[in-house]
Amino acid sequence: MEHELEIDFVGGAVGYRLRQGEGRGQALPRAIGMAKGANPFVVDATAGMGRDAFLLASLGAKVTLIERSPVVHAALARALEAARDAGEDYAQIVGRMTLLHGDAKALLPALAPDVVLVDPMHPPRVKSALVKKEMRVLRDIVGTDPDARELMDAALASGARRVVLKWPLRADPLPGLRKPSHQIVGKTTRYDVFVIGDVPEKTDITAM
């Protein structure tokens, strides 16, 4: 049976968040390094539903999304086209987004990003009935990411100034991965921030 995945950047939660004007003080932009007005070139190495990439682009970042699933890539392409046609504000955001199909481990060396965002697909931690339908569909399509550690190694070696790992709050760290420079921690998710050449900083406890 073919999976149906619909991604919507105009309506639903993404559009609502854009209309509410939530800004750079949110956890993700802070982790990316946007809190003080910077507009970095970000590679979202595991694009998925594209929500994080769209948020960052809406705040001014230039974002390249990499998705290796052909089904998810096609859904993202449709969503970006629909957003481009939804008005000038959306068209400007989409104009800062570039979608690539492929394996981020192979594509990263040629991109020279300022920041790499890695959000691997994890095994479910709760009963599937409690997970939003769209995430269940996404998980059915892409499965888990057993090469998450290899992807992190590629991100850390990409020449980026910063690598951000989005990770379930209570999940064990990736085996062998060094400690992050600092963390931004929420109720269910944490952002492990690796500032290249930096030493670990005090954890930043933040409600999300």
N, C-alpha and C. Protein backbone atom coordinates (compact mmCIF):
# COMPACT_ATOMS: atom_id res chain seq x y z
N MET A 1 0.84 -1.19 0.00
CA MET A 1 0.00 0.00 0.00
C MET A 1 0.88 1.26 0.00
N GLU A 2 0.58 2.19 -0.90
CA GLU A 2 1.37 3.41 -0.99
C GLU A 2 1.01 4.36 0.13
N HIS A 3 2.04 4.89 0.76
CA HIS A 3 1.81 5.84 1.86
C HIS A 3 1.45 7.21 1.28
N GLU A 4 0.55 7.91 1.93
CA GLU A 4 0.19 9.25 1.54
C GLU A 4 0.72 10.22 2.58
N LEU A 5 1.56 11.11 2.16
CA LEU A 5 2.14 12.10 3.06
C LEU A 5 1.82 13.48 2.51
N GLU A 6 1.12 14.27 3.30
CA GLU A 6 0.79 15.63 2.91
C GLU A 6 1.54 16.59 3.83
N ILE A 7 2.26 17.52 3.24
CA ILE A 7 2.99 18.54 3.97
C ILE A 7 2.42 19.89 3.60
N ASP A 8 2.13 20.71 4.60
CA ASP A 8 1.46 21.98 4.37
C ASP A 8 2.19 23.08 5.13
N PHE A 9 2.80 24.02 4.40
CA PHE A 9 3.48 25.14 5.03
C PHE A 9 2.58 26.37 5.18
N VAL A 10 1.39 26.32 4.61
CA VAL A 10 0.51 27.48 4.61
C VAL A 10 -0.55 27.36 5.70
N GLY A 11 -1.21 26.22 5.79
CA GLY A 11 -2.23 25.99 6.80
C GLY A 11 -1.67 25.23 7.99
N GLY A 12 -2.53 24.80 8.86
CA GLY A 12 -2.15 23.97 9.99
C GLY A 12 -1.20 24.65 10.95
N ALA A 13 -0.42 23.84 11.65
CA ALA A 13 0.45 24.35 12.71
C ALA A 13 1.54 25.26 12.18
N VAL A 14 2.07 24.96 10.98
CA VAL A 14 3.16 25.77 10.44
C VAL A 14 2.66 27.16 10.09
N GLY A 15 1.53 27.22 9.38
CA GLY A 15 0.97 28.51 9.03
C GLY A 15 0.56 29.31 10.26
N TYR A 16 0.00 28.64 11.25
CA TYR A 16 -0.41 29.32 12.48
C TYR A 16 0.80 29.93 13.17
N ARG A 17 1.87 29.16 13.26
CA ARG A 17 3.07 29.67 13.92
C ARG A 17 3.63 30.89 13.18
N LEU A 18 3.57 30.84 11.84
CA LEU A 18 4.04 31.99 11.07
C LEU A 18 3.17 33.21 11.32
N ARG A 19 1.86 33.02 11.33
CA ARG A 19 0.95 34.15 11.53
C ARG A 19 1.07 34.73 12.94
N GLN A 20 1.44 33.88 13.90
CA GLN A 20 1.61 34.37 15.27
C GLN A 20 2.89 35.17 15.44
N GLY A 21 3.79 35.05 14.49
CA GLY A 21 5.01 35.84 14.52
C GLY A 21 6.00 35.41 15.59
N GLU A 22 6.02 34.13 15.91
CA GLU A 22 6.98 33.65 16.90
C GLU A 22 8.40 33.89 16.37
N GLY A 23 9.27 34.39 17.21
CA GLY A 23 10.53 34.89 16.71
C GLY A 23 11.76 34.10 17.09
N ARG A 24 12.86 34.81 17.12
CA ARG A 24 14.18 34.19 17.30
C ARG A 24 14.44 33.73 18.73
N GLY A 25 13.57 34.07 19.65
CA GLY A 25 13.75 33.61 21.01
C GLY A 25 13.33 32.18 21.23
N GLN A 26 12.74 31.54 20.21
CA GLN A 26 12.38 30.13 20.33
C GLN A 26 13.64 29.27 20.44
N ALA A 27 13.46 28.07 20.94
CA ALA A 27 14.60 27.20 21.22
C ALA A 27 15.42 26.90 19.98
N LEU A 28 14.76 26.54 18.87
CA LEU A 28 15.52 26.16 17.67
C LEU A 28 16.34 27.32 17.12
N PRO A 29 15.76 28.50 16.88
CA PRO A 29 16.60 29.60 16.39
C PRO A 29 17.75 29.94 17.33
N ARG A 30 17.51 29.83 18.62
CA ARG A 30 18.60 30.07 19.57
C ARG A 30 19.69 29.03 19.40
N ALA A 31 19.30 27.77 19.25
CA ALA A 31 20.30 26.72 19.08
C ALA A 31 21.09 26.93 17.79
N ILE A 32 20.41 27.41 16.75
CA ILE A 32 21.07 27.64 15.47
C ILE A 32 22.02 28.83 15.54
N GLY A 33 21.78 29.74 16.49
CA GLY A 33 22.63 30.91 16.64
C GLY A 33 22.03 32.17 16.05
N MET A 34 20.69 32.23 15.97
CA MET A 34 20.01 33.36 15.34
C MET A 34 19.51 34.40 16.33
N ALA A 35 19.67 34.18 17.62
CA ALA A 35 19.04 35.03 18.62
C ALA A 35 19.47 36.48 18.52
N LYS A 36 20.70 36.74 18.08
CA LYS A 36 21.22 38.10 18.06
C LYS A 36 21.16 38.72 16.67
N GLY A 37 20.33 38.16 15.78
CA GLY A 37 20.12 38.79 14.49
C GLY A 37 20.86 38.16 13.33
N ALA A 38 21.67 37.14 13.56
CA ALA A 38 22.41 36.51 12.47
C ALA A 38 21.46 35.73 11.56
N ASN A 39 21.78 35.68 10.26
CA ASN A 39 21.03 34.89 9.29
C ASN A 39 21.98 33.90 8.62
N PRO A 40 22.27 32.79 9.28
CA PRO A 40 23.27 31.85 8.76
C PRO A 40 22.73 31.04 7.60
N PHE A 41 23.65 30.39 6.89
CA PHE A 41 23.31 29.40 5.89
C PHE A 41 23.23 28.06 6.62
N VAL A 42 22.04 27.50 6.67
CA VAL A 42 21.77 26.29 7.43
C VAL A 42 21.48 25.13 6.48
N VAL A 43 22.07 24.00 6.74
CA VAL A 43 21.68 22.76 6.05
C VAL A 43 20.88 21.92 7.03
N ASP A 44 19.62 21.66 6.67
CA ASP A 44 18.79 20.72 7.43
C ASP A 44 19.04 19.35 6.81
N ALA A 45 19.89 18.57 7.47
CA ALA A 45 20.38 17.33 6.87
C ALA A 45 19.36 16.20 6.88
N THR A 46 18.28 16.37 7.64
CA THR A 46 17.23 15.35 7.73
C THR A 46 15.90 16.08 7.65
N ALA A 47 15.52 16.51 6.46
CA ALA A 47 14.44 17.48 6.30
C ALA A 47 13.11 17.01 6.86
N GLY A 48 12.72 15.77 6.62
CA GLY A 48 11.46 15.26 7.14
C GLY A 48 10.28 16.11 6.68
N MET A 49 9.45 16.55 7.62
CA MET A 49 8.28 17.36 7.30
C MET A 49 8.63 18.80 6.93
N GLY A 50 9.88 19.20 7.11
CA GLY A 50 10.32 20.52 6.69
C GLY A 50 9.96 21.66 7.61
N ARG A 51 9.36 21.37 8.74
CA ARG A 51 8.87 22.45 9.60
C ARG A 51 9.99 23.29 10.20
N ASP A 52 11.05 22.63 10.65
CA ASP A 52 12.16 23.37 11.22
C ASP A 52 12.80 24.26 10.16
N ALA A 53 12.98 23.72 8.96
CA ALA A 53 13.59 24.49 7.88
C ALA A 53 12.73 25.70 7.53
N PHE A 54 11.41 25.50 7.48
CA PHE A 54 10.51 26.60 7.14
C PHE A 54 10.55 27.69 8.21
N LEU A 55 10.58 27.29 9.48
CA LEU A 55 10.68 28.26 10.56
C LEU A 55 11.94 29.09 10.42
N LEU A 56 13.07 28.43 10.21
CA LEU A 56 14.34 29.15 10.12
C LEU A 56 14.34 30.09 8.91
N ALA A 57 13.79 29.63 7.78
CA ALA A 57 13.73 30.48 6.59
C ALA A 57 12.80 31.67 6.82
N SER A 58 11.72 31.46 7.58
CA SER A 58 10.78 32.56 7.85
C SER A 58 11.43 33.64 8.70
N LEU A 59 12.49 33.27 9.44
CA LEU A 59 13.20 34.23 10.28
C LEU A 59 14.40 34.84 9.58
N GLY A 60 14.64 34.45 8.32
CA GLY A 60 15.68 35.08 7.53
C GLY A 60 16.85 34.21 7.15
N ALA A 61 16.93 32.98 7.67
CA ALA A 61 18.04 32.11 7.33
C ALA A 61 17.89 31.57 5.91
N LYS A 62 19.00 31.32 5.26
CA LYS A 62 19.02 30.58 4.01
C LYS A 62 19.16 29.10 4.37
N VAL A 63 18.25 28.26 3.89
CA VAL A 63 18.20 26.87 4.34
C VAL A 63 18.19 25.92 3.14
N THR A 64 19.09 24.96 3.17
CA THR A 64 19.06 23.86 2.21
C THR A 64 18.55 22.62 2.93
N LEU A 65 17.49 22.03 2.41
CA LEU A 65 16.89 20.83 2.98
C LEU A 65 17.38 19.62 2.20
N ILE A 66 17.84 18.61 2.91
CA ILE A 66 18.26 17.36 2.28
C ILE A 66 17.33 16.25 2.75
N GLU A 67 16.74 15.53 1.82
CA GLU A 67 15.85 14.42 2.14
C GLU A 67 16.17 13.24 1.22
N ARG A 68 16.44 12.09 1.81
CA ARG A 68 16.83 10.94 0.98
C ARG A 68 15.67 10.05 0.59
N SER A 69 14.52 10.16 1.27
CA SER A 69 13.36 9.38 0.88
C SER A 69 12.71 10.03 -0.34
N PRO A 70 12.55 9.32 -1.45
CA PRO A 70 11.90 9.92 -2.61
C PRO A 70 10.46 10.32 -2.35
N VAL A 71 9.76 9.57 -1.51
CA VAL A 71 8.37 9.90 -1.20
C VAL A 71 8.30 11.20 -0.42
N VAL A 72 9.13 11.34 0.60
CA VAL A 72 9.12 12.55 1.42
C VAL A 72 9.64 13.74 0.60
N HIS A 73 10.67 13.51 -0.21
CA HIS A 73 11.19 14.58 -1.06
C HIS A 73 10.10 15.11 -1.99
N ALA A 74 9.32 14.23 -2.58
CA ALA A 74 8.24 14.66 -3.47
C ALA A 74 7.19 15.45 -2.73
N ALA A 75 6.86 15.03 -1.50
CA ALA A 75 5.87 15.75 -0.70
C ALA A 75 6.39 17.14 -0.33
N LEU A 76 7.67 17.23 -0.02
CA LEU A 76 8.25 18.54 0.29
C LEU A 76 8.22 19.45 -0.93
N ALA A 77 8.54 18.90 -2.09
CA ALA A 77 8.53 19.70 -3.31
C ALA A 77 7.13 20.25 -3.59
N ARG A 78 6.11 19.43 -3.39
CA ARG A 78 4.74 19.89 -3.59
C ARG A 78 4.38 21.00 -2.60
N ALA A 79 4.80 20.81 -1.35
CA ALA A 79 4.48 21.80 -0.32
C ALA A 79 5.18 23.13 -0.59
N LEU A 80 6.42 23.08 -1.03
CA LEU A 80 7.14 24.31 -1.34
C LEU A 80 6.50 25.05 -2.51
N GLU A 81 6.07 24.31 -3.52
CA GLU A 81 5.42 24.92 -4.68
C GLU A 81 4.10 25.57 -4.27
N ALA A 82 3.33 24.87 -3.41
CA ALA A 82 2.07 25.43 -2.95
C ALA A 82 2.29 26.70 -2.14
N ALA A 83 3.32 26.69 -1.29
CA ALA A 83 3.61 27.88 -0.49
C ALA A 83 4.06 29.03 -1.39
N ARG A 84 4.83 28.72 -2.42
CA ARG A 84 5.29 29.75 -3.34
C ARG A 84 4.12 30.47 -4.01
N ASP A 85 3.05 29.73 -4.23
CA ASP A 85 1.88 30.29 -4.89
C ASP A 85 0.87 30.92 -3.92
N ALA A 86 1.19 30.92 -2.63
CA ALA A 86 0.21 31.35 -1.62
C ALA A 86 0.31 32.84 -1.29
N GLY A 87 1.19 33.55 -1.95
CA GLY A 87 1.31 34.98 -1.66
C GLY A 87 2.76 35.39 -1.52
N GLU A 88 2.99 36.70 -1.54
CA GLU A 88 4.36 37.22 -1.56
C GLU A 88 5.14 36.86 -0.31
N ASP A 89 4.50 36.91 0.85
CA ASP A 89 5.21 36.59 2.09
C ASP A 89 5.74 35.15 2.05
N TYR A 90 4.90 34.24 1.63
CA TYR A 90 5.33 32.84 1.54
C TYR A 90 6.37 32.65 0.46
N ALA A 91 6.19 33.34 -0.66
CA ALA A 91 7.14 33.21 -1.76
C ALA A 91 8.54 33.67 -1.33
N GLN A 92 8.61 34.72 -0.51
CA GLN A 92 9.91 35.17 -0.04
C GLN A 92 10.57 34.13 0.86
N ILE A 93 9.77 33.49 1.71
CA ILE A 93 10.33 32.45 2.59
C ILE A 93 10.84 31.28 1.75
N VAL A 94 10.01 30.80 0.83
CA VAL A 94 10.41 29.66 0.00
C VAL A 94 11.62 30.02 -0.85
N GLY A 95 11.75 31.30 -1.20
CA GLY A 95 12.91 31.74 -1.97
C GLY A 95 14.22 31.57 -1.23
N ARG A 96 14.15 31.42 0.09
CA ARG A 96 15.36 31.17 0.89
C ARG A 96 15.57 29.69 1.15
N MET A 97 14.75 28.83 0.54
CA MET A 97 14.83 27.39 0.78
C MET A 97 15.20 26.65 -0.51
N THR A 98 16.15 25.72 -0.38
CA THR A 98 16.57 24.88 -1.50
C THR A 98 16.41 23.42 -1.08
N LEU A 99 15.74 22.64 -1.90
CA LEU A 99 15.48 21.23 -1.58
C LEU A 99 16.36 20.33 -2.43
N LEU A 100 17.07 19.43 -1.77
CA LEU A 100 17.92 18.46 -2.45
C LEU A 100 17.47 17.05 -2.11
N HIS A 101 17.62 16.15 -3.08
CA HIS A 101 17.32 14.73 -2.85
C HIS A 101 18.64 13.97 -2.82
N GLY A 102 18.88 13.26 -1.72
CA GLY A 102 20.10 12.49 -1.62
C GLY A 102 20.47 12.22 -0.18
N ASP A 103 21.65 11.64 0.00
CA ASP A 103 22.16 11.31 1.33
C ASP A 103 23.01 12.47 1.81
N ALA A 104 22.65 13.03 2.94
CA ALA A 104 23.37 14.19 3.46
C ALA A 104 24.85 13.89 3.69
N LYS A 105 25.17 12.67 4.03
CA LYS A 105 26.57 12.34 4.27
C LYS A 105 27.41 12.58 3.03
N ALA A 106 26.82 12.33 1.86
CA ALA A 106 27.54 12.53 0.60
C ALA A 106 27.46 13.98 0.13
N LEU A 107 26.37 14.68 0.44
CA LEU A 107 26.16 16.02 -0.09
C LEU A 107 26.81 17.12 0.75
N LEU A 108 26.94 16.89 2.05
CA LEU A 108 27.42 17.95 2.95
C LEU A 108 28.78 18.53 2.56
N PRO A 109 29.78 17.72 2.17
CA PRO A 109 31.11 18.30 1.92
C PRO A 109 31.13 19.40 0.87
N ALA A 110 30.18 19.40 -0.06
CA ALA A 110 30.19 20.39 -1.13
C ALA A 110 29.35 21.63 -0.81
N LEU A 111 28.68 21.66 0.32
CA LEU A 111 27.72 22.73 0.59
C LEU A 111 28.27 23.89 1.42
N ALA A 112 29.28 23.65 2.22
CA ALA A 112 29.92 24.70 3.04
C ALA A 112 28.92 25.50 3.87
N PRO A 113 28.12 24.85 4.70
CA PRO A 113 27.14 25.58 5.51
C PRO A 113 27.78 26.25 6.72
N ASP A 114 27.06 27.22 7.26
CA ASP A 114 27.46 27.79 8.55
C ASP A 114 27.02 26.87 9.69
N VAL A 115 25.83 26.29 9.54
CA VAL A 115 25.23 25.46 10.59
C VAL A 115 24.61 24.22 9.93
N VAL A 116 24.75 23.08 10.59
CA VAL A 116 24.07 21.86 10.15
C VAL A 116 23.11 21.43 11.26
N LEU A 117 21.85 21.20 10.87
CA LEU A 117 20.83 20.69 11.79
C LEU A 117 20.59 19.23 11.48
N VAL A 118 20.67 18.39 12.50
CA VAL A 118 20.46 16.95 12.35
C VAL A 118 19.33 16.54 13.28
N ASP A 119 18.28 15.97 12.71
CA ASP A 119 17.12 15.51 13.49
C ASP A 119 16.77 14.10 13.04
N PRO A 120 17.49 13.10 13.54
CA PRO A 120 17.25 11.73 13.08
C PRO A 120 15.88 11.22 13.50
N MET A 121 15.37 10.26 12.73
CA MET A 121 14.15 9.58 13.11
C MET A 121 14.48 8.54 14.16
N HIS A 122 13.75 8.58 15.29
CA HIS A 122 14.05 7.69 16.40
C HIS A 122 12.95 6.64 16.54
N PRO A 123 13.26 5.52 17.17
CA PRO A 123 12.19 4.56 17.49
C PRO A 123 11.14 5.23 18.36
N PRO A 124 9.86 4.89 18.20
CA PRO A 124 8.81 5.54 18.99
C PRO A 124 8.99 5.27 20.47
N ARG A 125 8.76 6.31 21.29
CA ARG A 125 8.90 6.19 22.74
C ARG A 125 7.56 6.04 23.43
N VAL A 126 6.47 6.26 22.67
CA VAL A 126 5.12 6.14 23.22
C VAL A 126 4.30 5.28 22.28
N LYS A 127 3.11 4.87 22.74
CA LYS A 127 2.24 4.08 21.89
C LYS A 127 1.90 4.85 20.63
N SER A 128 1.86 4.14 19.50
CA SER A 128 1.66 4.81 18.22
C SER A 128 0.36 5.59 18.17
N ALA A 129 -0.65 5.17 18.92
CA ALA A 129 -1.93 5.87 18.92
C ALA A 129 -1.80 7.28 19.47
N LEU A 130 -0.76 7.53 20.26
CA LEU A 130 -0.58 8.84 20.86
C LEU A 130 0.27 9.75 19.99
N VAL A 131 0.83 9.21 18.90
CA VAL A 131 1.67 9.99 18.01
C VAL A 131 0.80 10.56 16.90
N LYS A 132 1.04 11.80 16.52
CA LYS A 132 0.24 12.42 15.49
C LYS A 132 0.28 11.59 14.20
N LYS A 133 -0.85 11.59 13.51
CA LYS A 133 -0.99 10.75 12.31
C LYS A 133 0.12 11.01 11.31
N GLU A 134 0.42 12.29 11.05
CA GLU A 134 1.42 12.60 10.04
C GLU A 134 2.79 12.06 10.42
N MET A 135 3.10 12.05 11.72
CA MET A 135 4.38 11.50 12.14
C MET A 135 4.39 9.98 12.02
N ARG A 136 3.25 9.34 12.26
CA ARG A 136 3.18 7.90 12.05
C ARG A 136 3.39 7.55 10.59
N VAL A 137 2.78 8.35 9.70
CA VAL A 137 2.97 8.12 8.27
C VAL A 137 4.43 8.32 7.88
N LEU A 138 5.04 9.39 8.39
CA LEU A 138 6.44 9.65 8.09
C LEU A 138 7.32 8.51 8.57
N ARG A 139 7.05 8.02 9.79
CA ARG A 139 7.85 6.93 10.32
C ARG A 139 7.67 5.66 9.49
N ASP A 140 6.44 5.42 9.03
CA ASP A 140 6.19 4.25 8.19
C ASP A 140 6.99 4.32 6.89
N ILE A 141 7.17 5.53 6.38
CA ILE A 141 7.88 5.71 5.12
C ILE A 141 9.39 5.57 5.29
N VAL A 142 9.94 6.27 6.27
CA VAL A 142 11.40 6.36 6.36
C VAL A 142 12.01 5.40 7.39
N GLY A 143 11.17 4.84 8.29
CA GLY A 143 11.73 3.98 9.32
C GLY A 143 12.55 4.78 10.31
N THR A 144 13.61 4.18 10.83
CA THR A 144 14.53 4.90 11.72
C THR A 144 15.80 5.22 10.95
N ASP A 145 16.69 5.97 11.58
CA ASP A 145 17.95 6.35 10.94
C ASP A 145 19.10 5.67 11.67
N PRO A 146 19.43 4.43 11.29
CA PRO A 146 20.50 3.71 11.99
C PRO A 146 21.88 4.32 11.77
N ASP A 147 22.01 5.20 10.78
CA ASP A 147 23.30 5.83 10.50
C ASP A 147 23.40 7.22 11.10
N ALA A 148 22.62 7.48 12.16
CA ALA A 148 22.61 8.82 12.76
C ALA A 148 24.00 9.24 13.24
N ARG A 149 24.75 8.31 13.82
CA ARG A 149 26.09 8.66 14.30
C ARG A 149 27.00 9.02 13.12
N GLU A 150 26.91 8.26 12.03
CA GLU A 150 27.72 8.56 10.85
C GLU A 150 27.35 9.92 10.27
N LEU A 151 26.06 10.25 10.30
CA LEU A 151 25.63 11.55 9.82
C LEU A 151 26.18 12.67 10.70
N MET A 152 26.16 12.47 12.00
CA MET A 152 26.73 13.47 12.90
C MET A 152 28.22 13.66 12.64
N ASP A 153 28.93 12.56 12.41
CA ASP A 153 30.36 12.66 12.09
C ASP A 153 30.57 13.49 10.82
N ALA A 154 29.72 13.25 9.81
CA ALA A 154 29.83 14.01 8.56
C ALA A 154 29.51 15.48 8.79
N ALA A 155 28.51 15.76 9.63
CA ALA A 155 28.16 17.15 9.92
C ALA A 155 29.30 17.86 10.65
N LEU A 156 29.89 17.18 11.62
CA LEU A 156 30.98 17.79 12.39
C LEU A 156 32.22 18.01 11.54
N ALA A 157 32.36 17.24 10.46
CA ALA A 157 33.52 17.36 9.57
C ALA A 157 33.23 18.23 8.35
N SER A 158 32.05 18.84 8.30
CA SER A 158 31.62 19.55 7.09
C SER A 158 32.23 20.94 6.93
N GLY A 159 32.87 21.43 7.98
CA GLY A 159 33.39 22.79 7.95
C GLY A 159 32.43 23.80 8.54
N ALA A 160 31.24 23.33 8.97
CA ALA A 160 30.27 24.23 9.60
C ALA A 160 30.82 24.75 10.93
N ARG A 161 30.40 25.96 11.28
CA ARG A 161 30.83 26.52 12.57
C ARG A 161 30.06 25.93 13.73
N ARG A 162 28.87 25.37 13.42
CA ARG A 162 27.99 24.87 14.47
C ARG A 162 27.18 23.70 13.93
N VAL A 163 27.01 22.68 14.75
CA VAL A 163 26.15 21.53 14.43
C VAL A 163 25.15 21.39 15.56
N VAL A 164 23.87 21.25 15.20
CA VAL A 164 22.81 21.13 16.19
C VAL A 164 22.12 19.78 16.01
N LEU A 165 22.11 19.00 17.07
CA LEU A 165 21.44 17.70 17.09
C LEU A 165 20.14 17.83 17.86
N LYS A 166 19.02 17.62 17.18
CA LYS A 166 17.71 17.62 17.83
C LYS A 166 17.43 16.20 18.30
N TRP A 167 17.16 16.05 19.59
CA TRP A 167 17.19 14.70 20.19
C TRP A 167 16.11 14.60 21.27
N PRO A 168 15.47 13.46 21.40
CA PRO A 168 14.50 13.30 22.50
C PRO A 168 15.16 13.55 23.85
N LEU A 169 14.45 14.22 24.72
CA LEU A 169 15.03 14.67 25.97
C LEU A 169 15.66 13.54 26.77
N ARG A 170 14.96 12.42 26.88
CA ARG A 170 15.42 11.35 27.75
C ARG A 170 16.12 10.21 27.01
N ALA A 171 16.37 10.41 25.73
CA ALA A 171 17.06 9.36 24.96
C ALA A 171 18.54 9.34 25.31
N ASP A 172 19.12 8.15 25.25
CA ASP A 172 20.56 8.03 25.48
C ASP A 172 21.33 8.75 24.39
N PRO A 173 22.50 9.32 24.74
CA PRO A 173 23.32 9.97 23.70
C PRO A 173 23.75 8.97 22.63
N LEU A 174 24.07 9.48 21.46
CA LEU A 174 24.63 8.62 20.43
C LEU A 174 25.95 8.05 20.91
N PRO A 175 26.17 6.75 20.78
CA PRO A 175 27.40 6.14 21.29
C PRO A 175 28.65 6.78 20.68
N GLY A 176 29.57 7.15 21.56
CA GLY A 176 30.85 7.66 21.10
C GLY A 176 30.87 9.12 20.70
N LEU A 177 29.72 9.78 20.70
CA LEU A 177 29.68 11.18 20.30
C LEU A 177 30.15 12.05 21.46
N ARG A 178 31.01 13.02 21.17
CA ARG A 178 31.53 13.88 22.24
C ARG A 178 30.41 14.71 22.84
N LYS A 179 30.67 15.24 24.01
CA LYS A 179 29.67 16.07 24.68
C LYS A 179 29.48 17.37 23.90
N PRO A 180 28.26 17.88 23.87
CA PRO A 180 28.02 19.14 23.16
C PRO A 180 28.62 20.32 23.90
N SER A 181 28.78 21.42 23.18
CA SER A 181 29.25 22.66 23.82
C SER A 181 28.24 23.13 24.85
N HIS A 182 26.95 23.04 24.50
CA HIS A 182 25.88 23.33 25.45
C HIS A 182 24.59 22.73 24.92
N GLN A 183 23.55 22.79 25.73
CA GLN A 183 22.26 22.24 25.37
C GLN A 183 21.16 23.28 25.65
N ILE A 184 20.13 23.22 24.83
CA ILE A 184 18.88 23.93 25.12
C ILE A 184 17.84 22.84 25.33
N VAL A 185 17.27 22.80 26.51
CA VAL A 185 16.48 21.66 26.94
C VAL A 185 15.03 22.08 27.16
N GLY A 186 14.12 21.29 26.61
CA GLY A 186 12.70 21.53 26.80
C GLY A 186 12.02 20.37 27.49
N LYS A 187 10.70 20.32 27.36
CA LYS A 187 9.94 19.30 28.07
C LYS A 187 10.13 17.90 27.49
N THR A 188 10.23 17.81 26.17
CA THR A 188 10.36 16.49 25.54
C THR A 188 11.52 16.42 24.57
N THR A 189 12.10 17.57 24.23
CA THR A 189 13.16 17.63 23.22
C THR A 189 14.33 18.44 23.75
N ARG A 190 15.52 18.07 23.31
CA ARG A 190 16.67 18.90 23.62
C ARG A 190 17.46 19.15 22.33
N TYR A 191 18.15 20.28 22.32
CA TYR A 191 19.04 20.61 21.22
C TYR A 191 20.47 20.55 21.75
N ASP A 192 21.24 19.60 21.26
CA ASP A 192 22.66 19.50 21.61
C ASP A 192 23.43 20.34 20.60
N VAL A 193 24.09 21.37 21.08
CA VAL A 193 24.77 22.34 20.21
C VAL A 193 26.27 22.09 20.27
N PHE A 194 26.85 21.83 19.12
CA PHE A 194 28.29 21.60 19.00
C PHE A 194 28.89 22.80 18.27
N VAL A 195 29.57 23.67 19.01
CA VAL A 195 30.25 24.80 18.41
C VAL A 195 31.67 24.34 18.10
N ILE A 196 32.01 24.33 16.83
CA ILE A 196 33.27 23.74 16.41
C ILE A 196 34.44 24.53 17.00
N GLY A 197 35.34 23.82 17.65
CA GLY A 197 36.49 24.44 18.28
C GLY A 197 36.21 24.98 19.66
N ASP A 198 34.97 24.83 20.13
CA ASP A 198 34.58 25.36 21.43
C ASP A 198 34.66 24.26 22.48
N VAL A 199 34.65 24.66 23.73
CA VAL A 199 34.61 23.71 24.83
C VAL A 199 33.18 23.68 25.36
N PRO A 200 32.75 22.55 25.96
CA PRO A 200 31.38 22.47 26.47
C PRO A 200 31.07 23.59 27.45
N GLU A 201 29.85 24.14 27.31
CA GLU A 201 29.40 25.20 28.19
C GLU A 201 28.33 24.66 29.13
N LYS A 202 27.91 25.50 30.05
CA LYS A 202 26.86 25.13 30.98
C LYS A 202 25.55 24.89 30.23
N THR A 203 24.83 23.85 30.61
CA THR A 203 23.55 23.54 29.97
C THR A 203 22.57 24.67 30.16
N ASP A 204 21.84 24.98 29.07
CA ASP A 204 20.83 26.03 29.10
C ASP A 204 19.47 25.37 29.24
N ILE A 205 18.86 25.46 30.40
CA ILE A 205 17.57 24.83 30.67
C ILE A 205 16.47 25.80 30.23
N THR A 206 15.69 25.40 29.23
CA THR A 206 14.71 26.30 28.66
C THR A 206 13.42 25.54 28.42
N ALA A 207 12.31 26.08 28.87
CA ALA A 207 11.02 25.49 28.57
C ALA A 207 10.70 25.71 27.10
N MET A 208 10.20 24.67 26.45
CA MET A 208 9.88 24.74 25.04
C MET A 208 8.41 24.44 24.84
